[in-house]
Amino acid sequence: MQSDLSFVFSTHEAELRSYLRCRLGDGHTANDLVQDTFVNVLERPEAHIYNIRAYLYAIARNLLLNHRKQEARRRTDTVAPEAFAELAADQPSPEDVVDSRLQLERVHALVQELPLRTQEIFVLNRLDGLTHAEVAKHLRISESSVQKHLAVAIAHLTRRLRAR
C-alpha cells in the first residue's frame, strides 16, 4: 500500500494542490489540505477504491468545505469605532430617568385614590407579584373578591391615565 500511495501521491499531488490553491487563494493552506487528503487515504487502508482520482478529489473537496466552515466561525468583522456611537446606551438618559420617575409618582398618586383594601390587593398582586390565590389566602378573602378589586383598580388607573 505504501508504494502504491507514493505513486498516487506523485501522480495526483500537483493537480490537487492546484485545485485547492485555485479555490482558496492560499498556497500554504492548499499544501496542508493536500497532505490531509493523503492522510485520510492512509487512515482507511481497508477502503476499496475504484477511481483513486475521484476519491482524492472527494476528500479534498470535503476538507475544503470543512476549512471554509471553520474560517467562517473564526472570522470576526471589524467595526469602525464611530459605529458604536450610534448604539443605544445600556443606561437610560437622564431625561428618561426623570420621565419614568414622574410617571411612577403619578401612578402612585392614582393608586392612593383607591380604597385601602383595593390598594392593598393591587400592591400585593402587581408589585409584590403574588398570584390571585396567594393574595386571597394572605388576606383571607376569596379569589373572586381579589379579581373584583383588581378590576376596579385597573379600570380606575386606565381611566385616569387616559384623561391626562
Protein backbone atom coordinates (compact mmCIF):
# COMPACT_ATOMS: atom_id res chain seq x y z
CA MET A 1 0.00 0.00 0.00
CA GLN A 2 2.85 2.39 0.88
CA SER A 3 4.49 2.14 -2.55
CA ASP A 4 1.07 2.42 -4.20
CA LEU A 5 0.33 5.55 -2.19
CA SER A 6 3.70 7.04 -3.14
CA PHE A 7 2.80 6.53 -6.79
CA VAL A 8 -0.68 8.00 -6.28
CA PHE A 9 0.83 10.96 -4.42
CA SER A 10 3.39 11.69 -7.13
CA THR A 11 0.70 11.34 -9.81
CA HIS A 12 -2.07 13.50 -8.26
CA GLU A 13 -0.41 15.77 -5.70
CA ALA A 14 0.30 18.72 -8.04
CA GLU A 15 -3.18 18.53 -9.58
CA LEU A 16 -4.86 18.51 -6.14
CA ARG A 17 -2.64 21.35 -4.92
CA SER A 18 -3.60 23.44 -7.96
CA TYR A 19 -7.30 22.65 -7.45
CA LEU A 20 -7.19 23.69 -3.79
CA ARG A 21 -4.96 26.74 -4.32
CA CYS A 22 -7.35 27.99 -7.00
CA ARG A 23 -10.32 27.73 -4.63
CA LEU A 24 -8.54 29.02 -1.54
CA GLY A 25 -6.18 31.63 -2.94
CA ASP A 26 -3.69 30.44 -0.31
CA GLY A 27 -0.82 28.11 -1.19
CA HIS A 28 0.06 27.22 2.42
CA THR A 29 -3.46 26.10 3.29
CA ALA A 30 -3.68 24.24 -0.03
CA ASN A 31 -0.48 22.35 0.88
CA ASP A 32 -1.94 21.45 4.28
CA LEU A 33 -5.18 20.20 2.74
CA VAL A 34 -3.31 18.10 0.16
CA GLN A 35 -1.39 16.44 2.98
CA ASP A 36 -4.61 15.95 4.93
CA THR A 37 -6.17 14.34 1.86
CA PHE A 38 -3.42 11.72 1.70
CA VAL A 39 -3.51 11.22 5.46
CA ASN A 40 -7.20 10.41 5.07
CA VAL A 41 -6.35 7.78 2.48
CA LEU A 42 -3.68 6.32 4.77
CA GLU A 43 -6.14 6.14 7.66
CA ARG A 44 -8.53 4.00 5.58
CA PRO A 45 -6.35 1.17 4.23
CA GLU A 46 -9.35 -1.16 4.04
CA ALA A 47 -11.30 1.10 1.66
CA HIS A 48 -11.97 -0.39 -1.76
CA ILE A 49 -11.28 2.45 -4.16
CA TYR A 50 -12.21 2.05 -7.81
CA ASN A 51 -11.32 5.54 -9.01
CA ILE A 52 -8.49 6.95 -6.88
CA ARG A 53 -8.54 10.36 -8.58
CA ALA A 54 -12.28 10.85 -7.88
CA TYR A 55 -11.76 9.58 -4.33
CA LEU A 56 -8.93 12.08 -3.73
CA TYR A 57 -10.99 14.96 -5.10
CA ALA A 58 -13.96 13.98 -2.93
CA ILE A 59 -11.77 14.00 0.17
CA ALA A 60 -10.10 17.28 -0.84
CA ARG A 61 -13.48 18.92 -1.53
CA ASN A 62 -14.81 17.84 1.89
CA LEU A 63 -11.68 19.13 3.61
CA LEU A 64 -12.04 22.41 1.72
CA LEU A 65 -15.69 22.75 2.81
CA ASN A 66 -14.77 21.99 6.43
CA HIS A 67 -11.94 24.52 6.27
CA ARG A 68 -14.29 27.22 4.97
CA LYS A 69 -16.83 26.48 7.70
CA GLN A 70 -14.13 26.76 10.37
CA GLU A 71 -12.88 30.02 8.87
CA ALA A 72 -16.40 31.43 8.83
CA ARG A 73 -16.81 30.56 12.52
CA ARG A 74 -13.48 32.17 13.41
CA ARG A 75 -13.99 35.31 11.35
CA THR A 76 -14.88 38.47 13.17
CA ASP A 77 -15.87 41.55 11.27
CA THR A 78 -14.18 44.77 12.23
CA VAL A 79 -16.42 47.67 13.10
CA ALA A 80 -15.39 51.28 12.95
CA PRO A 81 -15.42 52.96 16.39
CA GLU A 82 -17.85 55.56 15.04
CA ALA A 83 -20.47 52.84 14.61
CA PHE A 84 -20.54 52.30 18.36
CA ALA A 85 -21.63 55.89 18.90
CA GLU A 86 -24.91 55.05 17.17
CA LEU A 87 -25.67 52.15 19.52
CA ALA A 88 -28.10 52.74 22.33
CA ALA A 89 -26.54 53.11 25.74
CA ASP A 90 -27.13 50.43 28.34
CA GLN A 91 -28.36 53.09 30.74
CA PRO A 92 -31.35 55.36 30.25
CA SER A 93 -30.74 59.01 29.54
CA PRO A 94 -31.23 61.48 32.39
CA GLU A 95 -34.41 62.67 30.66
CA ASP A 96 -35.76 59.10 30.58
CA VAL A 97 -34.96 58.66 34.27
CA VAL A 98 -36.83 61.83 35.19
CA ASP A 99 -39.77 60.93 32.93
CA SER A 100 -40.01 57.43 34.44
CA ARG A 101 -39.87 58.83 37.94
CA LEU A 102 -42.66 61.31 37.17
CA GLN A 103 -44.82 58.53 35.68
CA LEU A 104 -44.18 56.36 38.73
CA GLU A 105 -45.17 59.21 41.05
CA ARG A 106 -48.35 59.75 39.00
CA VAL A 107 -49.31 56.07 39.19
CA HIS A 108 -48.53 56.06 42.92
CA ALA A 109 -50.84 59.06 43.40
CA LEU A 110 -53.58 57.33 41.37
CA VAL A 111 -53.25 54.16 43.47
CA GLN A 112 -53.62 56.33 46.59
CA GLU A 113 -57.07 57.39 45.29
CA LEU A 114 -58.30 53.77 45.58
CA PRO A 115 -60.00 52.35 48.68
CA LEU A 116 -57.46 50.93 51.15
CA ARG A 117 -58.40 47.26 50.58
CA THR A 118 -58.16 47.72 46.79
CA GLN A 119 -54.78 49.42 47.19
CA GLU A 120 -53.53 46.54 49.32
CA ILE A 121 -54.69 43.91 46.81
CA PHE A 122 -53.24 45.86 43.89
CA VAL A 123 -49.83 46.22 45.57
CA LEU A 124 -49.70 42.56 46.62
CA ASN A 125 -50.58 41.37 43.12
CA ARG A 126 -48.91 43.89 40.80
CA LEU A 127 -45.89 44.98 42.81
CA ASP A 128 -45.14 42.06 45.10
CA GLY A 129 -46.00 39.52 42.39
CA LEU A 130 -48.43 37.38 44.38
CA THR A 131 -50.97 35.34 42.43
CA HIS A 132 -54.70 35.84 42.93
CA ALA A 133 -54.80 32.71 45.08
CA GLU A 134 -51.85 33.88 47.20
CA VAL A 135 -53.40 37.32 47.74
CA ALA A 136 -56.72 35.71 48.69
CA LYS A 137 -55.02 33.38 51.18
CA HIS A 138 -52.89 36.20 52.62
CA LEU A 139 -55.90 38.48 53.15
CA ARG A 140 -58.34 35.67 53.97
CA ILE A 141 -60.75 36.60 51.19
CA SER A 142 -62.00 34.78 48.10
CA GLU A 143 -60.16 34.79 44.77
CA SER A 144 -63.29 36.25 43.24
CA SER A 145 -63.02 39.21 45.61
CA VAL A 146 -59.35 39.68 44.66
CA GLN A 147 -60.30 39.69 40.97
CA LYS A 148 -63.07 42.24 41.55
CA HIS A 149 -60.77 44.59 43.47
CA LEU A 150 -58.10 44.30 40.76
CA ALA A 151 -60.68 45.02 38.06
CA VAL A 152 -61.73 48.17 39.92
CA ALA A 153 -58.10 49.25 40.38
CA ILE A 154 -57.14 48.69 36.74
CA ALA A 155 -60.28 50.41 35.45
CA HIS A 156 -59.59 53.40 37.71
CA LEU A 157 -55.92 53.66 36.68
CA THR A 158 -56.72 53.28 32.98
CA ARG A 159 -59.46 55.89 33.11
CA ARG A 160 -57.31 58.41 34.99
CA LEU A 161 -54.21 57.85 32.85
CA ARG A 162 -56.19 58.34 29.65
CA ALA A 163 -57.70 61.56 30.99
CA ARG A 164 -54.30 63.16 31.39
